[in-house]
Protein backbone atom coordinates (compact mmCIF):
# COMPACT_ATOMS: atom_id res chain seq x y z
CA MET A 1 89.94 -18.52 -8.80
CA PHE A 2 87.27 -17.03 -11.29
CA VAL A 3 85.47 -13.68 -11.64
CA CYS A 4 82.40 -12.92 -13.04
CA HIS A 5 81.47 -9.44 -14.28
CA HIS A 6 77.71 -9.15 -14.64
CA ARG A 7 76.49 -5.90 -15.87
CA SER A 8 78.06 -3.49 -13.32
CA TYR A 9 78.47 -6.40 -10.53
CA ILE A 10 81.50 -8.33 -10.14
CA PHE A 11 81.92 -11.63 -7.78
CA SER A 12 84.64 -13.90 -7.31
CA LEU A 13 84.33 -17.66 -6.63
CA LEU A 14 87.59 -19.49 -5.02
CA LEU A 15 87.81 -23.28 -5.80
CA TYR A 16 90.12 -25.99 -4.44
CA VAL A 17 88.78 -29.36 -4.49
CA ASP A 18 85.53 -29.49 -2.38
CA ASP A 19 86.26 -25.76 -0.76
CA MET A 20 84.47 -22.96 -2.13
CA LEU A 21 84.74 -19.48 -1.41
CA LEU A 22 82.19 -16.98 -3.17
CA SER A 23 82.50 -13.50 -2.55
CA GLY A 24 80.76 -10.24 -3.99
CA TYR A 25 78.36 -7.31 -3.47
CA ASN A 26 74.99 -8.63 -5.40
CA LEU A 27 73.46 -10.87 -2.94
CA THR A 28 70.86 -11.71 -5.39
CA LEU A 29 73.08 -12.88 -8.46
CA ILE A 30 74.98 -14.66 -5.22
CA HIS A 31 72.10 -16.87 -4.55
CA LYS A 32 71.20 -17.76 -8.15
CA PHE A 33 74.52 -18.88 -8.77
CA ILE A 34 74.43 -20.63 -5.91
CA ALA A 35 71.14 -21.92 -6.87
CA THR A 36 72.25 -22.85 -10.09
CA LEU A 37 75.56 -25.12 -8.81
CA SER A 38 73.39 -26.96 -6.61
CA THR A 39 71.12 -28.54 -9.17
CA GLN A 40 74.38 -29.97 -10.17
CA PHE A 41 76.58 -30.65 -7.38
CA ALA A 42 75.86 -31.48 -3.29
CA MET A 43 76.60 -28.38 -1.48
CA LYS A 44 76.44 -27.11 2.03
CA ASP A 45 76.16 -23.37 2.56
CA ILE A 46 77.73 -21.98 5.36
CA ILE A 47 77.15 -18.03 5.62
CA ASP A 48 79.89 -16.94 8.12
CA ILE A 49 83.61 -18.14 7.30
CA TYR A 50 86.28 -18.23 9.75
CA TYR A 51 88.91 -20.19 8.30
CA PHE A 52 89.71 -21.37 4.67
CA LEU A 53 92.97 -23.12 3.39
CA GLY A 54 95.15 -22.51 6.03
CA VAL A 55 94.03 -19.07 6.60
CA GLN A 56 91.46 -17.58 9.37
CA LEU A 57 89.40 -14.95 8.25
CA GLY A 58 88.13 -11.99 10.75
CA CYS A 59 86.92 -9.05 11.54
CA ALA A 60 88.46 -6.45 13.88
CA SER A 61 87.70 -2.65 14.63
CA ILE A 62 89.89 -1.59 11.65
CA GLY A 63 88.39 -4.08 9.25
CA PRO A 64 88.90 -7.60 7.99
CA PHE A 65 92.09 -9.52 8.58
CA LEU A 66 93.72 -12.58 7.78
CA SER A 67 95.94 -14.97 9.79
CA GLN A 68 98.11 -18.05 9.82
CA ASN A 69 98.07 -18.74 13.77
CA LYS A 70 95.86 -21.50 13.60
CA TYR A 71 97.82 -23.11 10.39
CA THR A 72 101.48 -22.79 12.14
CA SER A 73 100.56 -23.82 15.46
CA ASP A 74 99.02 -27.10 13.46
CA VAL A 75 102.07 -27.60 11.77
CA LEU A 76 104.41 -26.90 14.74
CA LYS A 77 102.41 -29.93 16.69
CA LYS A 78 102.52 -32.07 13.96
CA ILE A 79 106.59 -31.86 13.74
CA HIS A 80 106.40 -31.62 17.93
CA PHE A 81 108.09 -28.16 18.40
CA HIS A 82 104.88 -26.82 20.25
CA THR A 83 106.82 -28.10 23.20
CA HIS A 84 110.01 -25.91 22.61
CA LYS A 85 110.40 -22.50 24.09
CA SER A 86 109.59 -19.43 22.46
CA VAL A 87 112.15 -16.45 21.85
CA HIS A 88 111.33 -12.91 20.89
CA THR A 89 112.40 -11.96 17.21
CA PRO A 90 115.30 -9.39 17.66
CA CYS A 91 113.68 -7.01 14.60
CA VAL A 92 110.42 -5.09 14.63
CA SER A 93 107.69 -6.53 13.13
């Protein structure tokens, strides 16, 4: 994770191998940063993000939310547990 402070603006870059997530409030500064990176690296700019490093990102009426439902489901399928019956957890979630 890289964090850039530029005057009163802050933006962050999350980087893992070939996945990158850039976040901030100043779109002009972000676009300049992307343009600079694009001169050195082959990049694909995907505006909306739904899934990053095993975490689903979304928006609900009360605000943003993060979920690992898809990742958990994929792991269960990989180890062939998706065919087992589910049970309720005996504690408050």
